[in-house]
Amino acid sequence: MPTDPRRASRPADRRIVSGVSAGLADHLGVDALWVRLAFTIGAVLNGAGIVAYLLMWRFLPLAEPQRSPGLEAATRRGMRTSGPASVVEVVRAVAVLALGAGLGLAVQVSGRGIGWGLFVPLVVGGVGLGVIWRGLDDSRSGGVSRRGRLRTIARVVVGVALIVAAAVYLVTAERGWAALADIGAFLVVALVGVALILGPWIASLVGDLSAERRERVRSQERADVAAHLHDSVLQTLALLQKNAADPALVATLARRQERDLRSWLYGDEQATGDTVAAAVRAVAAEVETDHRVAVEVIAVGDAPLDDDRAAVVRAAREAMVNAAKHAHVDRIDVYAESADGGLEIFVRDRGVGFDPASVAEDRMGLRGSIVGRVERHGGTVDVRSAPGEGTEIRLALAPHRAATPQEDPR
């Protein structure tokens, strides 16, 4: 069967500068040291090595690194997908660079090279061009995190500054400060050129950041909507089916759910109670009324009910509802403690228990309305349960996430 020809590419995960030498070495089946030496000798003799290196950097594609689930998770957190090259490779590359620099200086000192007035700005400008291209490479291989894109923009700015400095030196070397007018005109032309070249790319970076931010907000809103519907409407529908033979109770549940849904839809939903302790007692009373199960609440300390604490209280309510529905017990114990700006709520029953590892991914009760909700607000959830040994769910919010407002100075 015919096969596609093997194409050279630059490895994104083994780059020291651009990955040209490593890519050619892989393609030719030789050690990367010999490729770097060839480029160095070509650069010292007649500059052809520099031209060849830049052309290959420009036209050889950057290969995507091999991905794994852990690597993809790291990319979503904003880490670069390309890891650093090995220490041995870096040392060898530095040695070859030092050899090339020494040979170049020897040629310069012997008088066979180009003039120093041209040599220095060419080196500075070449470094600036390399910094710009490396930044563009990283933008293609490093994910879409805000930190990675800001690092790329910084590299491009530094590279442009080096190129501009080299150009300013070339212009002023012969005419001195009298060339300021020419420099000004050159800078204007250069800025226009940079804007035309990099403007669309920078605009795409800003657009990607905005799109990512909007998608993150929409995703969190969808998760909050799903959790709210699960906790309110779906729970009420289950109660209506369970108590279909009791018309009075059905009407009461329907009216209460209507009020709750209207207030939530029209944005005038009020938190139950002004403090954590009051809110926990209120939701415990609701669970007692709805499920005919005693809920004993012990609250130690108290704190104002902000958005993060309210989310933890709602997650605790869902834990109480799960215990009332599935634990087959007559009593649920709840312990809430607010201290030093932090919050901990324990929901415990001595019922049938379950295996937390066996809970399906699509079960919203535990994963969405409890674990996911608390984690979105910076908290943690610890579920301890086993068949026949009851269940204990600990919901915690660290002090730095649930900071207590400053006291009134009056």
Protein backbone atom coordinates (compact mmCIF):
# COMPACT_ATOMS: atom_id res chain seq x y z
CA MET A 1 0.00 0.00 0.00
CA PRO A 2 1.34 3.50 -0.80
CA THR A 3 2.29 5.59 2.21
CA ASP A 4 2.55 9.34 2.58
CA PRO A 5 6.11 10.70 2.49
CA ARG A 6 7.63 11.49 5.83
CA ARG A 7 7.69 15.27 6.34
CA ALA A 8 10.11 17.24 8.48
CA SER A 9 8.71 19.27 11.35
CA ARG A 10 9.90 21.09 14.43
CA PRO A 11 9.14 19.26 17.71
CA ALA A 12 7.27 21.55 20.10
CA ASP A 13 8.33 19.58 23.20
CA ARG A 14 12.12 19.54 22.56
CA ARG A 15 12.83 23.10 21.44
CA ILE A 16 15.83 25.01 22.76
CA VAL A 17 15.34 28.01 20.46
CA SER A 18 13.05 27.05 17.60
CA GLY A 19 13.37 23.28 17.17
CA VAL A 20 14.88 23.49 13.64
CA SER A 21 17.99 21.48 14.51
CA ALA A 22 16.04 18.85 16.44
CA GLY A 23 13.50 18.52 13.62
CA LEU A 24 16.14 18.13 10.92
CA ALA A 25 18.05 15.65 13.06
CA ASP A 26 14.92 13.53 13.49
CA HIS A 27 14.16 13.73 9.78
CA LEU A 28 17.72 12.84 8.68
CA GLY A 29 18.31 10.28 11.43
CA VAL A 30 21.44 11.96 12.85
CA ASP A 31 22.39 13.52 16.15
CA ALA A 32 21.17 17.09 16.61
CA LEU A 33 24.72 18.13 17.59
CA TRP A 34 25.95 17.68 13.98
CA VAL A 35 23.08 19.71 12.59
CA ARG A 36 23.82 22.56 15.00
CA LEU A 37 27.52 22.43 14.07
CA ALA A 38 26.63 22.63 10.37
CA PHE A 39 24.45 25.68 10.92
CA THR A 40 27.19 27.30 13.05
CA ILE A 41 29.95 26.74 10.48
CA GLY A 42 27.70 28.02 7.71
CA ALA A 43 26.89 31.12 9.73
CA VAL A 44 30.56 31.90 10.44
CA LEU A 45 31.87 31.32 6.91
CA ASN A 46 29.47 33.35 4.78
CA GLY A 47 26.24 33.83 6.71
CA ALA A 48 24.44 31.13 4.73
CA GLY A 49 23.80 29.14 7.91
CA ILE A 50 21.84 32.02 9.42
CA VAL A 51 19.74 32.45 6.29
CA ALA A 52 19.05 28.71 6.07
CA TYR A 53 18.16 28.51 9.76
CA LEU A 54 15.69 31.44 9.54
CA LEU A 55 14.09 30.07 6.38
CA MET A 56 13.57 26.64 7.95
CA TRP A 57 12.23 28.26 11.12
CA ARG A 58 9.73 30.12 8.99
CA PHE A 59 8.58 27.28 6.75
CA LEU A 60 8.97 24.06 8.80
CA PRO A 61 5.67 23.41 10.63
CA LEU A 62 5.63 23.14 14.40
CA ALA A 63 4.56 19.61 15.36
CA GLU A 64 1.99 19.25 18.11
CA PRO A 65 3.35 17.44 21.19
CA GLN A 66 1.99 14.06 22.16
CA ARG A 67 -1.02 14.64 24.40
CA SER A 68 -2.29 12.68 27.33
CA PRO A 69 -5.24 13.24 29.70
CA GLY A 70 -2.92 14.73 32.33
CA LEU A 71 -1.29 16.99 29.76
CA GLU A 72 -4.65 18.18 28.47
CA ALA A 73 -5.73 19.00 32.02
CA ALA A 74 -2.54 20.97 32.50
CA THR A 75 -3.21 22.87 29.27
CA ARG A 76 -6.69 23.82 30.50
CA ARG A 77 -5.11 25.24 33.66
CA GLY A 78 -2.91 27.47 31.51
CA MET A 79 0.36 25.47 31.41
CA ARG A 80 2.40 25.20 28.23
CA THR A 81 2.14 21.96 26.30
CA SER A 82 5.80 22.07 25.31
CA GLY A 83 8.16 20.95 27.99
CA PRO A 84 11.78 22.02 28.33
CA ALA A 85 14.55 20.18 26.55
CA SER A 86 16.88 17.94 28.54
CA VAL A 87 19.81 19.44 30.42
CA VAL A 88 22.30 17.59 28.21
CA GLU A 89 20.74 19.02 25.05
CA VAL A 90 20.81 22.54 26.48
CA VAL A 91 24.47 22.23 27.50
CA ARG A 92 25.44 20.91 24.08
CA ALA A 93 23.53 23.68 22.33
CA VAL A 94 25.18 26.34 24.51
CA ALA A 95 28.58 24.83 23.75
CA VAL A 96 27.93 24.97 20.00
CA LEU A 97 26.68 28.55 20.32
CA ALA A 98 29.80 29.52 22.26
CA LEU A 99 31.97 27.88 19.58
CA GLY A 100 30.17 29.80 16.85
CA ALA A 101 30.46 33.07 18.78
CA GLY A 102 34.17 32.49 19.27
CA LEU A 103 34.74 31.76 15.58
CA GLY A 104 32.71 34.80 14.60
CA LEU A 105 34.72 37.05 16.90
CA ALA A 106 37.93 35.57 15.53
CA VAL A 107 36.83 36.42 12.00
CA GLN A 108 35.86 39.92 13.10
CA VAL A 109 39.17 40.54 14.88
CA SER A 110 41.13 39.29 11.87
CA GLY A 111 39.55 42.05 9.77
CA ARG A 112 37.83 39.66 7.36
CA GLY A 113 34.35 40.17 8.73
CA ILE A 114 31.94 43.05 8.36
CA GLY A 115 32.41 46.37 10.14
CA TRP A 116 31.60 46.59 13.81
CA GLY A 117 29.17 49.40 13.11
CA LEU A 118 27.09 46.97 11.07
CA PHE A 119 27.89 43.74 12.95
CA VAL A 120 26.46 44.79 16.34
CA PRO A 121 23.06 46.05 15.11
CA LEU A 122 22.70 43.00 12.88
CA VAL A 123 23.23 40.71 15.87
CA VAL A 124 20.79 42.71 18.02
CA GLY A 125 18.20 42.78 15.25
CA GLY A 126 18.61 39.04 14.64
CA VAL A 127 18.06 38.32 18.32
CA GLY A 128 14.94 40.50 18.26
CA LEU A 129 13.60 38.63 15.23
CA GLY A 130 14.25 35.31 16.97
CA VAL A 131 12.42 36.46 20.10
CA ILE A 132 9.39 37.49 18.01
CA TRP A 133 9.25 34.20 16.13
CA ARG A 134 9.66 32.20 19.32
CA GLY A 135 6.75 34.09 20.84
CA LEU A 136 4.60 33.32 17.81
CA ASP A 137 5.58 29.65 18.08
CA ASP A 138 4.54 29.58 21.74
CA SER A 139 1.18 31.14 20.89
CA ARG A 140 0.51 28.22 18.55
CA SER A 141 1.65 25.49 20.93
CA GLY A 142 0.99 26.78 24.44
CA GLY A 143 -2.80 26.72 24.82
CA VAL A 144 -5.15 29.70 25.19
CA SER A 145 -4.61 30.65 28.83
CA ARG A 146 -4.40 34.31 29.69
CA ARG A 147 -0.96 33.92 31.25
CA GLY A 148 0.47 32.19 28.16
CA ARG A 149 -0.89 34.83 25.80
CA LEU A 150 0.41 37.69 27.93
CA ARG A 151 3.85 36.02 27.90
CA THR A 152 3.69 35.78 24.11
CA ILE A 153 2.73 39.44 23.74
CA ALA A 154 5.60 40.43 26.06
CA ARG A 155 8.08 38.48 23.91
CA VAL A 156 6.82 40.14 20.76
CA VAL A 157 7.16 43.58 22.37
CA VAL A 158 10.73 42.81 23.50
CA GLY A 159 11.66 41.54 20.02
CA VAL A 160 10.23 44.63 18.33
CA ALA A 161 12.14 46.83 20.80
CA LEU A 162 15.43 45.08 19.92
CA ILE A 163 14.82 45.50 16.19
CA VAL A 164 13.95 49.16 16.65
CA ALA A 165 17.09 49.70 18.77
CA ALA A 166 19.25 48.13 16.05
CA ALA A 167 17.63 50.30 13.39
CA VAL A 168 18.12 53.45 15.49
CA TYR A 169 21.79 52.61 15.92
CA LEU A 170 22.25 52.12 12.19
CA VAL A 171 20.58 55.41 11.37
CA THR A 172 22.45 57.50 13.97
CA ALA A 173 25.88 55.90 13.56
CA GLU A 174 26.88 58.19 10.68
CA ARG A 175 24.82 61.35 11.21
CA GLY A 176 24.51 61.45 15.02
CA TRP A 177 21.60 63.26 16.62
CA ALA A 178 20.83 65.07 13.39
CA ALA A 179 19.14 61.90 12.22
CA LEU A 180 16.35 62.22 14.82
CA ALA A 181 13.89 63.39 12.17
CA ASP A 182 14.71 60.38 10.03
CA ILE A 183 14.35 58.14 13.07
CA GLY A 184 10.94 59.59 13.80
CA ALA A 185 9.77 58.93 10.26
CA PHE A 186 11.26 55.45 10.39
CA LEU A 187 9.47 54.68 13.66
CA VAL A 188 6.16 55.82 12.24
CA VAL A 189 6.62 53.62 9.19
CA ALA A 190 7.80 50.73 11.37
CA LEU A 191 4.83 51.03 13.72
CA VAL A 192 2.45 51.10 10.78
CA GLY A 193 4.14 48.01 9.36
CA VAL A 194 4.03 46.21 12.71
CA ALA A 195 0.37 47.13 13.09
CA LEU A 196 -0.42 45.76 9.65
CA ILE A 197 1.53 42.55 10.28
CA LEU A 198 0.73 41.85 13.93
CA GLY A 199 -2.57 43.73 14.23
CA PRO A 200 -4.80 40.85 13.09
CA TRP A 201 -2.87 38.41 15.28
CA ILE A 202 -3.18 40.62 18.38
CA ALA A 203 -6.86 41.18 17.62
CA SER A 204 -7.34 37.41 17.42
CA LEU A 205 -5.60 37.00 20.79
CA VAL A 206 -7.93 39.54 22.40
CA GLY A 207 -10.91 37.94 20.69
CA ASP A 208 -9.92 34.47 21.91
CA LEU A 209 -9.55 35.74 25.47
CA SER A 210 -12.97 37.39 25.34
CA ALA A 211 -14.56 34.29 23.82
CA GLU A 212 -12.96 32.07 26.46
CA ARG A 213 -14.20 34.36 29.24
CA ARG A 214 -17.73 34.41 27.84
CA GLU A 215 -17.74 30.62 27.45
CA ARG A 216 -16.55 30.18 31.04
CA VAL A 217 -19.30 32.48 32.31
CA ARG A 218 -21.94 30.68 30.23
CA SER A 219 -20.71 27.30 31.44
CA GLN A 220 -20.94 28.37 35.08
CA GLU A 221 -24.39 29.85 34.51
CA ARG A 222 -25.59 26.61 32.90
CA ALA A 223 -24.21 24.61 35.82
CA ASP A 224 -25.94 26.93 38.33
CA VAL A 225 -29.23 26.70 36.42
CA ALA A 226 -29.02 22.90 36.30
CA ALA A 227 -28.24 22.71 40.02
CA HIS A 228 -31.10 25.06 40.90
CA LEU A 229 -33.62 23.16 38.80
CA HIS A 230 -32.48 19.88 40.30
CA ASP A 231 -32.77 21.21 43.85
CA SER A 232 -36.17 22.87 43.38
CA VAL A 233 -38.35 21.86 40.45
CA LEU A 234 -37.25 18.25 40.08
CA GLN A 235 -37.39 17.61 43.84
CA THR A 236 -40.89 19.11 44.01
CA LEU A 237 -42.07 16.99 41.08
CA ALA A 238 -40.79 13.87 42.86
CA LEU A 239 -42.71 14.89 46.00
CA LEU A 240 -45.86 15.50 43.98
CA GLN A 241 -45.66 11.99 42.52
CA LYS A 242 -45.02 10.50 45.95
CA ASN A 243 -47.97 12.30 47.55
CA ALA A 244 -50.41 12.25 44.66
CA ALA A 245 -53.15 10.88 46.94
CA ASP A 246 -52.99 13.95 49.22
CA PRO A 247 -54.53 16.90 47.26
CA ALA A 248 -53.89 19.44 50.01
CA LEU A 249 -50.19 18.61 50.24
CA VAL A 250 -49.88 18.61 46.43
CA ALA A 251 -51.43 22.09 46.25
CA THR A 252 -49.13 23.38 49.00
CA LEU A 253 -46.04 22.04 47.30
CA ALA A 254 -47.11 23.43 43.92
CA ARG A 255 -47.77 26.93 45.31
CA ARG A 256 -44.46 27.01 47.16
CA GLN A 257 -42.57 25.87 44.08
CA GLU A 258 -44.34 28.48 41.95
CA ARG A 259 -43.27 31.28 44.31
CA ASP A 260 -39.69 30.01 44.42
CA LEU A 261 -39.43 29.68 40.63
CA ARG A 262 -40.95 33.12 39.97
CA SER A 263 -38.60 34.84 42.41
CA TRP A 264 -35.60 33.05 40.87
CA LEU A 265 -36.61 33.78 37.26
CA TYR A 266 -37.26 37.48 37.86
CA GLY A 267 -34.12 38.05 39.89
CA ASP A 268 -35.72 38.98 43.22
CA GLU A 269 -34.73 35.79 45.04
CA GLN A 270 -33.87 36.51 48.65
CA ALA A 271 -31.47 34.50 50.73
CA THR A 272 -33.11 32.50 53.50
CA GLY A 273 -31.97 34.29 56.62
CA ASP A 274 -29.31 36.95 57.06
CA THR A 275 -26.69 34.65 58.56
CA VAL A 276 -25.34 31.17 58.00
CA ALA A 277 -26.94 29.72 61.12
CA ALA A 278 -30.38 31.11 60.24
CA ALA A 279 -30.11 29.83 56.68
CA VAL A 280 -29.08 26.32 57.78
CA ARG A 281 -31.98 26.14 60.24
CA ALA A 282 -34.41 27.38 57.58
CA VAL A 283 -33.39 24.78 54.98
CA ALA A 284 -33.46 22.07 57.67
CA ALA A 285 -37.06 23.08 58.45
CA GLU A 286 -37.94 22.83 54.77
CA VAL A 287 -36.49 19.32 54.55
CA GLU A 288 -38.42 18.29 57.67
CA THR A 289 -41.68 19.59 56.20
CA ASP A 290 -41.17 18.09 52.76
CA HIS A 291 -39.87 14.66 53.73
CA ARG A 292 -41.28 14.10 57.25
CA VAL A 293 -37.80 13.43 58.66
CA ALA A 294 -36.38 15.07 61.80
CA VAL A 295 -33.33 17.24 61.11
CA GLU A 296 -31.32 18.18 64.21
CA VAL A 297 -29.18 21.30 63.69
CA ILE A 298 -26.27 22.46 65.86
CA ALA A 299 -24.72 25.78 64.84
CA VAL A 300 -21.51 27.07 66.40
CA GLY A 301 -20.56 30.64 65.58
CA ASP A 302 -22.14 32.66 62.80
CA ALA A 303 -21.27 34.79 59.78
CA PRO A 304 -23.05 36.99 57.22
CA LEU A 305 -24.60 35.08 54.33
CA ASP A 306 -22.64 36.12 51.21
CA ASP A 307 -22.76 34.37 47.82
CA ASP A 308 -20.09 31.76 48.64
CA ARG A 309 -21.62 30.80 52.00
CA ALA A 310 -25.12 30.71 50.46
CA ALA A 311 -23.87 28.21 47.87
CA VAL A 312 -22.49 25.97 50.63
CA VAL A 313 -25.81 26.16 52.51
CA ARG A 314 -27.70 25.17 49.36
CA ALA A 315 -25.33 22.24 48.88
CA ALA A 316 -25.96 21.23 52.52
CA ARG A 317 -29.70 21.32 51.84
CA GLU A 318 -29.23 18.95 48.91
CA ALA A 319 -27.23 16.63 51.18
CA MET A 320 -30.11 16.66 53.70
CA VAL A 321 -32.62 15.91 50.92
CA ASN A 322 -30.53 12.98 49.69
CA ALA A 323 -30.30 11.59 53.21
CA ALA A 324 -34.07 11.97 53.71
CA LYS A 325 -34.84 10.22 50.41
CA HIS A 326 -32.25 7.45 50.31
CA ALA A 327 -30.86 6.76 53.80
CA HIS A 328 -34.11 5.27 55.24
CA VAL A 329 -33.67 7.00 58.59
CA ASP A 330 -35.92 9.00 60.92
CA ARG A 331 -33.26 11.55 61.86
CA ILE A 332 -30.53 13.58 60.17
CA ASP A 333 -27.82 15.41 62.13
CA VAL A 334 -26.41 18.71 60.85
CA TYR A 335 -23.47 20.56 62.40
CA ALA A 336 -22.46 24.03 61.13
CA GLU A 337 -19.43 25.97 62.36
CA SER A 338 -18.39 29.49 61.33
CA ALA A 339 -15.03 30.65 62.67
CA ASP A 340 -12.34 33.09 61.49
CA GLY A 341 -14.14 33.73 58.22
CA GLY A 342 -14.32 30.02 57.30
CA LEU A 343 -17.31 27.71 57.20
CA GLU A 344 -17.81 23.97 57.75
CA ILE A 345 -21.09 22.08 57.55
CA PHE A 346 -21.44 18.37 58.33
CA VAL A 347 -24.53 16.40 57.27
CA ARG A 348 -24.66 12.95 58.86
CA ASP A 349 -27.08 10.04 58.91
CA ARG A 350 -26.90 6.48 60.22
CA GLY A 351 -28.73 4.94 57.30
CA VAL A 352 -27.99 2.37 54.64
CA GLY A 353 -24.97 4.21 53.21
CA PHE A 354 -23.51 3.81 49.73
CA ASP A 355 -20.25 3.55 47.80
CA PRO A 356 -19.24 7.07 46.59
CA ALA A 357 -17.07 5.58 43.82
CA SER A 358 -20.10 3.85 42.30
CA VAL A 359 -22.07 7.08 41.76
CA ALA A 360 -22.55 7.64 38.03
CA GLU A 361 -21.07 10.74 36.37
CA ASP A 362 -24.51 11.94 35.26
CA ARG A 363 -26.00 11.93 38.78
CA MET A 364 -26.61 15.61 39.50
CA GLY A 365 -27.56 15.16 43.16
CA LEU A 366 -24.07 14.48 44.49
CA ARG A 367 -21.72 15.59 41.71
CA GLY A 368 -23.58 18.66 40.45
CA SER A 369 -25.66 20.09 43.28
CA ILE A 370 -23.19 19.32 46.07
CA VAL A 371 -19.60 18.77 44.90
CA GLY A 372 -19.69 20.89 41.75
CA ARG A 373 -21.56 23.77 43.40
CA VAL A 374 -19.20 24.04 46.38
CA GLU A 375 -16.07 23.73 44.23
CA ARG A 376 -17.24 26.49 41.89
CA HIS A 377 -17.26 28.79 44.91
CA GLY A 378 -13.79 27.78 46.07
CA GLY A 379 -14.78 25.17 48.67
CA THR A 380 -14.19 21.46 49.15
CA VAL A 381 -16.45 18.46 49.74
CA ASP A 382 -15.52 15.25 51.55
CA VAL A 383 -17.95 12.31 51.30
CA ARG A 384 -17.52 9.45 53.76
CA SER A 385 -19.88 6.54 53.33
CA ALA A 386 -20.01 2.78 52.97
CA PRO A 387 -22.89 0.33 52.57
CA GLY A 388 -24.51 -0.26 55.96
CA GLU A 389 -22.42 2.36 57.79
CA GLY A 390 -24.30 5.58 57.14
CA THR A 391 -23.07 8.73 55.39
CA GLU A 392 -21.22 11.87 56.44
CA ILE A 393 -20.71 14.79 54.03
CA ARG A 394 -18.35 17.61 55.00
CA LEU A 395 -18.67 20.91 53.13
CA ALA A 396 -15.90 23.44 53.81
CA LEU A 397 -15.13 26.98 52.73
CA ALA A 398 -11.65 28.33 53.48
CA PRO A 399 -11.31 31.69 55.31
CA HIS A 400 -9.76 33.43 52.27
CA ARG A 401 -12.87 32.56 50.22
CA ALA A 402 -15.38 33.50 52.91
CA ALA A 403 -13.83 36.68 54.29
CA THR A 404 -15.87 38.41 57.00
CA PRO A 405 -16.64 42.07 56.20
CA GLN A 406 -14.82 44.66 58.28
CA GLU A 407 -16.57 45.95 61.34
CA ASP A 408 -18.34 49.29 61.27
CA PRO A 409 -15.72 51.88 62.36
CA ARG A 410 -18.40 53.74 64.30
